[in-house]
Amino acid sequence: MRLRSTDISARALGDELIVLSLPTSRYLTITGVGIRVFELLAEDTSLDEVVGTIVEEYEVERAVARRDIEGFLGRLRDVELLH
């Protein structure tokens, strides 16, 4: 899994991260744990690695983390931010 890093622009604004897909001009506002997931995706990590890191860092159940991360990945795909 990898972000389309050459095709996006991201800016922090307070507690939010605003991410713009340059080819589509669609944007996404990311908050909370989503920002950490976005950072991990920038490192070209697998879904299992992202889930493992989030479980460790935020003390959340693995099944809950996986479900929420998969939903977040769906939003990233919707705005064409993932390869």
PDB file of N, CA and C in Angstrom:
ATOM      1  N   MET A   1       0.848  -1.160   0.000  1.00  0.00           N
ATOM      2  CA  MET A   1       0.000   0.000   0.000  1.00  0.00           C
ATOM      3  C   MET A   1       0.900   1.232   0.000  1.00  0.00           C
ATOM      4  N   ARG A   2       0.569   2.166  -0.871  1.00  0.00           N
ATOM      5  CA  ARG A   2       1.428   3.337  -0.946  1.00  0.00           C
ATOM      6  C   ARG A   2       0.617   4.564  -1.339  1.00  0.00           C
ATOM      7  N   LEU A   3       0.924   5.677  -0.695  1.00  0.00           N
ATOM      8  CA  LEU A   3       0.304   6.946  -1.065  1.00  0.00           C
ATOM      9  C   LEU A   3       0.837   7.395  -2.410  1.00  0.00           C
ATOM     10  N   ARG A   4       0.044   8.138  -3.119  1.00  0.00           N
ATOM     11  CA  ARG A   4       0.465   8.730  -4.389  1.00  0.00           C
ATOM     12  C   ARG A   4       1.239  10.001  -4.067  1.00  0.00           C
ATOM     13  N   SER A   5       2.386   9.874  -3.443  1.00  0.00           N
ATOM     14  CA  SER A   5       3.104  11.013  -2.872  1.00  0.00           C
ATOM     15  C   SER A   5       3.478  12.087  -3.888  1.00  0.00           C
ATOM     16  N   THR A   6       3.680  11.726  -5.131  1.00  0.00           N
ATOM     17  CA  THR A   6       4.028  12.740  -6.126  1.00  0.00           C
ATOM     18  C   THR A   6       2.802  13.484  -6.621  1.00  0.00           C
ATOM     19  N   ASP A   7       1.627  12.967  -6.331  1.00  0.00           N
ATOM     20  CA  ASP A   7       0.389  13.548  -6.830  1.00  0.00           C
ATOM     21  C   ASP A   7      -0.461  14.207  -5.754  1.00  0.00           C
ATOM     22  N   ILE A   8       0.130  14.420  -4.566  1.00  0.00           N
ATOM     23  CA  ILE A   8      -0.657  15.003  -3.488  1.00  0.00           C
ATOM     24  C   ILE A   8       0.072  16.172  -2.848  1.00  0.00           C
ATOM     25  N   SER A   9      -0.706  17.016  -2.218  1.00  0.00           N
ATOM     26  CA  SER A   9      -0.185  18.109  -1.415  1.00  0.00           C
ATOM     27  C   SER A   9      -0.864  18.006  -0.065  1.00  0.00           C
ATOM     28  N   ALA A  10      -0.086  18.101   1.014  1.00  0.00           N
ATOM     29  CA  ALA A  10      -0.652  17.977   2.356  1.00  0.00           C
ATOM     30  C   ALA A  10      -0.147  19.127   3.221  1.00  0.00           C
ATOM     31  N   ARG A  11      -1.065  19.698   3.996  1.00  0.00           N
ATOM     32  CA  ARG A  11      -0.724  20.799   4.884  1.00  0.00           C
ATOM     33  C   ARG A  11      -1.428  20.614   6.219  1.00  0.00           C
ATOM     34  N   ALA A  12      -0.658  20.820   7.287  1.00  0.00           N
ATOM     35  CA  ALA A  12      -1.235  20.785   8.631  1.00  0.00           C
ATOM     36  C   ALA A  12      -1.877  22.133   8.913  1.00  0.00           C
ATOM     37  N   LEU A  13      -3.066  22.070   9.490  1.00  0.00           N
ATOM     38  CA  LEU A  13      -3.804  23.274   9.858  1.00  0.00           C
ATOM     39  C   LEU A  13      -4.404  23.019  11.231  1.00  0.00           C
ATOM     40  N   GLY A  14      -3.729  23.484  12.256  1.00  0.00           N
ATOM     41  CA  GLY A  14      -4.165  23.185  13.617  1.00  0.00           C
ATOM     42  C   GLY A  14      -4.042  21.701  13.885  1.00  0.00           C
ATOM     43  N   ASP A  15      -5.139  21.075  14.302  1.00  0.00           N
ATOM     44  CA  ASP A  15      -5.158  19.644  14.604  1.00  0.00           C
ATOM     45  C   ASP A  15      -5.613  18.810  13.416  1.00  0.00           C
ATOM     46  N   GLU A  16      -5.644  19.421  12.244  1.00  0.00           N
ATOM     47  CA  GLU A  16      -6.097  18.724  11.045  1.00  0.00           C
ATOM     48  C   GLU A  16      -4.987  18.671  10.003  1.00  0.00           C
ATOM     49  N   LEU A  17      -5.105  17.698   9.126  1.00  0.00           N
ATOM     50  CA  LEU A  17      -4.229  17.597   7.968  1.00  0.00           C
ATOM     51  C   LEU A  17      -5.129  17.663   6.746  1.00  0.00           C
ATOM     52  N   ILE A  18      -4.875  18.625   5.878  1.00  0.00           N
ATOM     53  CA  ILE A  18      -5.648  18.774   4.652  1.00  0.00           C
ATOM     54  C   ILE A  18      -4.815  18.182   3.524  1.00  0.00           C
ATOM     55  N   VAL A  19      -5.380  17.205   2.824  1.00  0.00           N
ATOM     56  CA  VAL A  19      -4.663  16.511   1.767  1.00  0.00           C
ATOM     57  C   VAL A  19      -5.409  16.714   0.455  1.00  0.00           C
ATOM     58  N   LEU A  20      -4.677  17.151  -0.565  1.00  0.00           N
ATOM     59  CA  LEU A  20      -5.266  17.436  -1.868  1.00  0.00           C
ATOM     60  C   LEU A  20      -4.682  16.497  -2.912  1.00  0.00           C
ATOM     61  N   SER A  21      -5.556  15.856  -3.671  1.00  0.00           N
ATOM     62  CA  SER A  21      -5.136  15.065  -4.825  1.00  0.00           C
ATOM     63  C   SER A  21      -4.984  16.034  -5.990  1.00  0.00           C
ATOM     64  N   LEU A  22      -3.772  16.242  -6.465  1.00  0.00           N
ATOM     65  CA  LEU A  22      -3.534  17.221  -7.522  1.00  0.00           C
ATOM     66  C   LEU A  22      -4.202  16.857  -8.843  1.00  0.00           C
ATOM     67  N   PRO A  23      -4.165  15.593  -9.273  1.00  0.00           N
ATOM     68  CA  PRO A  23      -4.804  15.267 -10.556  1.00  0.00           C
ATOM     69  C   PRO A  23      -6.322  15.439 -10.553  1.00  0.00           C
ATOM     70  N   THR A  24      -6.960  15.201  -9.399  1.00  0.00           N
ATOM     71  CA  THR A  24      -8.420  15.249  -9.358  1.00  0.00           C
ATOM     72  C   THR A  24      -8.972  16.495  -8.678  1.00  0.00           C
ATOM     73  N   SER A  25      -8.108  17.258  -8.013  1.00  0.00           N
ATOM     74  CA  SER A  25      -8.513  18.441  -7.231  1.00  0.00           C
ATOM     75  C   SER A  25      -9.489  18.090  -6.105  1.00  0.00           C
ATOM     76  N   ARG A  26      -9.499  16.845  -5.667  1.00  0.00           N
ATOM     77  CA  ARG A  26     -10.326  16.421  -4.543  1.00  0.00           C
ATOM     78  C   ARG A  26      -9.474  16.453  -3.283  1.00  0.00           C
ATOM     79  N   TYR A  27     -10.102  16.798  -2.171  1.00  0.00           N
ATOM     80  CA  TYR A  27      -9.344  16.881  -0.935  1.00  0.00           C
ATOM     81  C   TYR A  27     -10.015  16.101   0.182  1.00  0.00           C
ATOM     82  N   LEU A  28      -9.221  15.882   1.223  1.00  0.00           N
ATOM     83  CA  LEU A  28      -9.668  15.121   2.376  1.00  0.00           C
ATOM     84  C   LEU A  28      -9.111  15.808   3.617  1.00  0.00           C
ATOM     85  N   THR A  29      -9.930  15.955   4.633  1.00  0.00           N
ATOM     86  CA  THR A  29      -9.480  16.483   5.916  1.00  0.00           C
ATOM     87  C   THR A  29      -9.285  15.306   6.852  1.00  0.00           C
ATOM     88  N   ILE A  30      -8.097  15.216   7.432  1.00  0.00           N
ATOM     89  CA  ILE A  30      -7.754  14.089   8.301  1.00  0.00           C
ATOM     90  C   ILE A  30      -7.490  14.614   9.705  1.00  0.00           C
ATOM     91  N   THR A  31      -8.024  13.905  10.703  1.00  0.00           N
ATOM     92  CA  THR A  31      -7.820  14.282  12.099  1.00  0.00           C
ATOM     93  C   THR A  31      -7.434  13.058  12.920  1.00  0.00           C
ATOM     94  N   GLY A  32      -7.047  13.296  14.146  1.00  0.00           N
ATOM     95  CA  GLY A  32      -6.801  12.238  15.120  1.00  0.00           C
ATOM     96  C   GLY A  32      -5.841  11.162  14.652  1.00  0.00           C
ATOM     97  N   VAL A  33      -6.214   9.918  14.909  1.00  0.00           N
ATOM     98  CA  VAL A  33      -5.382   8.765  14.571  1.00  0.00           C
ATOM     99  C   VAL A  33      -5.175   8.668  13.053  1.00  0.00           C
ATOM    100  N   GLY A  34      -6.104   9.206  12.286  1.00  0.00           N
ATOM    101  CA  GLY A  34      -5.972   9.192  10.831  1.00  0.00           C
ATOM    102  C   GLY A  34      -4.690   9.852  10.366  1.00  0.00           C
ATOM    103  N   ILE A  35      -4.236  10.876  11.087  1.00  0.00           N
ATOM    104  CA  ILE A  35      -2.979  11.543  10.725  1.00  0.00           C
ATOM    105  C   ILE A  35      -1.815  10.566  10.880  1.00  0.00           C
ATOM    106  N   ARG A  36      -1.829   9.806  11.959  1.00  0.00           N
ATOM    107  CA  ARG A  36      -0.751   8.815  12.170  1.00  0.00           C
ATOM    108  C   ARG A  36      -0.801   7.733  11.104  1.00  0.00           C
ATOM    109  N   VAL A  37      -1.988   7.276  10.750  1.00  0.00           N
ATOM    110  CA  VAL A  37      -2.125   6.268   9.697  1.00  0.00           C
ATOM    111  C   VAL A  37      -1.585   6.830   8.383  1.00  0.00           C
ATOM    112  N   PHE A  38      -1.912   8.073   8.083  1.00  0.00           N
ATOM    113  CA  PHE A  38      -1.426   8.720   6.867  1.00  0.00           C
ATOM    114  C   PHE A  38       0.101   8.763   6.854  1.00  0.00           C
ATOM    115  N   GLU A  39       0.703   9.088   7.994  1.00  0.00           N
ATOM    116  CA  GLU A  39       2.171   9.102   8.104  1.00  0.00           C
ATOM    117  C   GLU A  39       2.756   7.722   7.830  1.00  0.00           C
ATOM    118  N   LEU A  40       2.128   6.697   8.385  1.00  0.00           N
ATOM    119  CA  LEU A  40       2.618   5.334   8.178  1.00  0.00           C
ATOM    120  C   LEU A  40       2.497   4.919   6.715  1.00  0.00           C
ATOM    121  N   LEU A  41       1.442   5.329   6.055  1.00  0.00           N
ATOM    122  CA  LEU A  41       1.261   4.996   4.639  1.00  0.00           C
ATOM    123  C   LEU A  41       2.311   5.684   3.770  1.00  0.00           C
ATOM    124  N   ALA A  42       2.785   6.827   4.207  1.00  0.00           N
ATOM    125  CA  ALA A  42       3.828   7.529   3.467  1.00  0.00           C
ATOM    126  C   ALA A  42       5.131   6.735   3.469  1.00  0.00           C
ATOM    127  N   GLU A  43       5.263   5.814   4.426  1.00  0.00           N
ATOM    128  CA  GLU A  43       6.450   4.969   4.537  1.00  0.00           C
ATOM    129  C   GLU A  43       6.284   3.653   3.782  1.00  0.00           C
ATOM    130  N   ASP A  44       5.215   3.521   3.006  1.00  0.00           N
ATOM    131  CA  ASP A  44       4.960   2.317   2.211  1.00  0.00           C
ATOM    132  C   ASP A  44       4.888   1.071   3.086  1.00  0.00           C
ATOM    133  N   THR A  45       4.038   1.119   4.099  1.00  0.00           N
ATOM    134  CA  THR A  45       3.867  -0.018   5.000  1.00  0.00           C
ATOM    135  C   THR A  45       2.643  -0.832   4.603  1.00  0.00           C
ATOM    136  N   SER A  46       2.636  -2.081   5.017  1.00  0.00           N
ATOM    137  CA  SER A  46       1.499  -2.953   4.721  1.00  0.00           C
ATOM    138  C   SER A  46       0.355  -2.658   5.691  1.00  0.00           C
ATOM    139  N   LEU A  47      -0.819  -3.126   5.355  1.00  0.00           N
ATOM    140  CA  LEU A  47      -1.975  -2.962   6.229  1.00  0.00           C
ATOM    141  C   LEU A  47      -1.705  -3.586   7.589  1.00  0.00           C
ATOM    142  N   ASP A  48      -1.140  -4.779   7.608  1.00  0.00           N
ATOM    143  CA  ASP A  48      -0.848  -5.444   8.885  1.00  0.00           C
ATOM    144  C   ASP A  48       0.131  -4.634   9.732  1.00  0.00           C
ATOM    145  N   GLU A  49       1.126  -4.030   9.094  1.00  0.00           N
ATOM    146  CA  GLU A  49       2.081  -3.197   9.828  1.00  0.00           C
ATOM    147  C   GLU A  49       1.413  -1.946  10.390  1.00  0.00           C
ATOM    148  N   VAL A  50       0.558  -1.327   9.607  1.00  0.00           N
ATOM    149  CA  VAL A  50      -0.159  -0.136  10.069  1.00  0.00           C
ATOM    150  C   VAL A  50      -1.046  -0.500  11.254  1.00  0.00           C
ATOM    151  N   VAL A  51      -1.800  -1.581  11.126  1.00  0.00           N
ATOM    152  CA  VAL A  51      -2.678  -2.017  12.219  1.00  0.00           C
ATOM    153  C   VAL A  51      -1.850  -2.301  13.466  1.00  0.00           C
ATOM    154  N   GLY A  52      -0.751  -3.022  13.325  1.00  0.00           N
ATOM    155  CA  GLY A  52       0.100  -3.346  14.471  1.00  0.00           C
ATOM    156  C   GLY A  52       0.624  -2.106  15.176  1.00  0.00           C
ATOM    157  N   THR A  53       1.066  -1.129  14.411  1.00  0.00           N
ATOM    158  CA  THR A  53       1.582   0.111  14.995  1.00  0.00           C
ATOM    159  C   THR A  53       0.482   0.859  15.738  1.00  0.00           C
ATOM    160  N   ILE A  54      -0.692   0.947  15.136  1.00  0.00           N
ATOM    161  CA  ILE A  54      -1.798   1.659  15.776  1.00  0.00           C
ATOM    162  C   ILE A  54      -2.238   0.944  17.051  1.00  0.00           C
ATOM    163  N   VAL A  55      -2.284  -0.379  17.027  1.00  0.00           N
ATOM    164  CA  VAL A  55      -2.648  -1.147  18.221  1.00  0.00           C
ATOM    165  C   VAL A  55      -1.655  -0.862  19.346  1.00  0.00           C
ATOM    166  N   GLU A  56      -0.377  -0.837  19.027  1.00  0.00           N
ATOM    167  CA  GLU A  56       0.651  -0.576  20.038  1.00  0.00           C
ATOM    168  C   GLU A  56       0.599   0.854  20.565  1.00  0.00           C
ATOM    169  N   GLU A  57       0.461   1.810  19.670  1.00  0.00           N
ATOM    170  CA  GLU A  57       0.545   3.219  20.059  1.00  0.00           C
ATOM    171  C   GLU A  57      -0.717   3.740  20.732  1.00  0.00           C
ATOM    172  N   TYR A  58      -1.864   3.181  20.385  1.00  0.00           N
ATOM    173  CA  TYR A  58      -3.132   3.713  20.891  1.00  0.00           C
ATOM    174  C   TYR A  58      -3.905   2.740  21.774  1.00  0.00           C
ATOM    175  N   GLU A  59      -3.344   1.561  22.013  1.00  0.00           N
ATOM    176  CA  GLU A  59      -3.970   0.569  22.881  1.00  0.00           C
ATOM    177  C   GLU A  59      -5.429   0.315  22.522  1.00  0.00           C
ATOM    178  N   VAL A  60      -5.647   0.003  21.266  1.00  0.00           N
ATOM    179  CA  VAL A  60      -6.977  -0.308  20.762  1.00  0.00           C
ATOM    180  C   VAL A  60      -6.982  -1.777  20.351  1.00  0.00           C
ATOM    181  N   GLU A  61      -8.138  -2.394  20.367  1.00  0.00           N
ATOM    182  CA  GLU A  61      -8.231  -3.793  19.958  1.00  0.00           C
ATOM    183  C   GLU A  61      -7.900  -3.920  18.468  1.00  0.00           C
ATOM    184  N   ARG A  62      -7.210  -4.993  18.134  1.00  0.00           N
ATOM    185  CA  ARG A  62      -6.767  -5.208  16.752  1.00  0.00           C
ATOM    186  C   ARG A  62      -7.939  -5.197  15.764  1.00  0.00           C
ATOM    187  N   ALA A  63      -9.034  -5.864  16.103  1.00  0.00           N
ATOM    188  CA  ALA A  63     -10.179  -5.936  15.182  1.00  0.00           C
ATOM    189  C   ALA A  63     -10.787  -4.556  14.948  1.00  0.00           C
ATOM    190  N   VAL A  64     -10.860  -3.758  15.994  1.00  0.00           N
ATOM    191  CA  VAL A  64     -11.407  -2.404  15.873  1.00  0.00           C
ATOM    192  C   VAL A  64     -10.474  -1.542  15.030  1.00  0.00           C
ATOM    193  N   ALA A  65      -9.176  -1.630  15.309  1.00  0.00           N
ATOM    194  CA  ALA A  65      -8.196  -0.850  14.546  1.00  0.00           C
ATOM    195  C   ALA A  65      -8.248  -1.231  13.070  1.00  0.00           C
ATOM    196  N   ARG A  66      -8.279  -2.507  12.784  1.00  0.00           N
ATOM    197  CA  ARG A  66      -8.308  -2.967  11.388  1.00  0.00           C
ATOM    198  C   ARG A  66      -9.559  -2.463  10.665  1.00  0.00           C
ATOM    199  N   ARG A  67     -10.704  -2.592  11.305  1.00  0.00           N
ATOM    200  CA  ARG A  67     -11.959  -2.127  10.699  1.00  0.00           C
ATOM    201  C   ARG A  67     -11.903  -0.632  10.398  1.00  0.00           C
ATOM    202  N   ASP A  68     -11.447   0.145  11.380  1.00  0.00           N
ATOM    203  CA  ASP A  68     -11.389   1.594  11.207  1.00  0.00           C
ATOM    204  C   ASP A  68     -10.365   1.999  10.153  1.00  0.00           C
ATOM    205  N   ILE A  69      -9.229   1.339  10.133  1.00  0.00           N
ATOM    206  CA  ILE A  69      -8.194   1.654   9.144  1.00  0.00           C
ATOM    207  C   ILE A  69      -8.662   1.279   7.744  1.00  0.00           C
ATOM    208  N   GLU A  70      -9.324   0.143   7.614  1.00  0.00           N
ATOM    209  CA  GLU A  70      -9.856  -0.233   6.296  1.00  0.00           C
ATOM    210  C   GLU A  70     -10.867   0.795   5.796  1.00  0.00           C
ATOM    211  N   GLY A  71     -11.692   1.317   6.695  1.00  0.00           N
ATOM    212  CA  GLY A  71     -12.633   2.375   6.319  1.00  0.00           C
ATOM    213  C   GLY A  71     -11.912   3.636   5.872  1.00  0.00           C
ATOM    214  N   PHE A  72     -10.862   3.978   6.591  1.00  0.00           N
ATOM    215  CA  PHE A  72     -10.051   5.151   6.239  1.00  0.00           C
ATOM    216  C   PHE A  72      -9.384   4.959   4.879  1.00  0.00           C
ATOM    217  N   LEU A  73      -8.877   3.760   4.633  1.00  0.00           N
ATOM    218  CA  LEU A  73      -8.250   3.471   3.336  1.00  0.00           C
ATOM    219  C   LEU A  73      -9.259   3.608   2.204  1.00  0.00           C
ATOM    220  N   GLY A  74     -10.495   3.235   2.474  1.00  0.00           N
ATOM    221  CA  GLY A  74     -11.556   3.406   1.479  1.00  0.00           C
ATOM    222  C   GLY A  74     -11.752   4.872   1.133  1.00  0.00           C
ATOM    223  N   ARG A  75     -11.699   5.731   2.146  1.00  0.00           N
ATOM    224  CA  ARG A  75     -11.812   7.176   1.892  1.00  0.00           C
ATOM    225  C   ARG A  75     -10.637   7.683   1.081  1.00  0.00           C
ATOM    226  N   LEU A  76      -9.441   7.183   1.372  1.00  0.00           N
ATOM    227  CA  LEU A  76      -8.253   7.586   0.589  1.00  0.00           C
ATOM    228  C   LEU A  76      -8.375   7.131  -0.860  1.00  0.00           C
ATOM    229  N   ARG A  77      -8.920   5.927  -1.067  1.00  0.00           N
ATOM    230  CA  ARG A  77      -9.118   5.440  -2.430  1.00  0.00           C
ATOM    231  C   ARG A  77     -10.167   6.272  -3.171  1.00  0.00           C
ATOM    232  N   ASP A  78     -11.214   6.675  -2.462  1.00  0.00           N
ATOM    233  CA  ASP A  78     -12.270   7.467  -3.070  1.00  0.00           C
ATOM    234  C   ASP A  78     -11.747   8.767  -3.678  1.00  0.00           C
ATOM    235  N   VAL A  79     -10.760   9.360  -3.028  1.00  0.00           N
ATOM    236  CA  VAL A  79     -10.191  10.610  -3.555  1.00  0.00           C
ATOM    237  C   VAL A  79      -8.875  10.348  -4.299  1.00  0.00           C
ATOM    238  N   GLU A  80      -8.632   9.078  -4.600  1.00  0.00           N
ATOM    239  CA  GLU A  80      -7.498   8.635  -5.425  1.00  0.00           C
ATOM    240  C   GLU A  80      -6.148   9.058  -4.847  1.00  0.00           C
ATOM    241  N   LEU A  81      -5.978   8.802  -3.537  1.00  0.00           N
ATOM    242  CA  LEU A  81      -4.715   9.107  -2.869  1.00  0.00           C
ATOM    243  C   LEU A  81      -3.825   7.878  -2.672  1.00  0.00           C
ATOM    244  N   LEU A  82      -4.330   6.697  -3.022  1.00  0.00           N
ATOM    245  CA  LEU A  82      -3.551   5.463  -2.882  1.00  0.00           C
ATOM    246  C   LEU A  82      -3.261   4.863  -4.240  1.00  0.00           C
ATOM    247  N   HIS A  83      -2.099   4.222  -4.340  1.00  0.00           N
ATOM    248  CA  HIS A  83      -1.761   3.454  -5.561  1.00  0.00           C
ATOM    249  C   HIS A  83      -2.505   2.154  -5.529  1.00  0.00           C
TER     250      HIS A  83
END
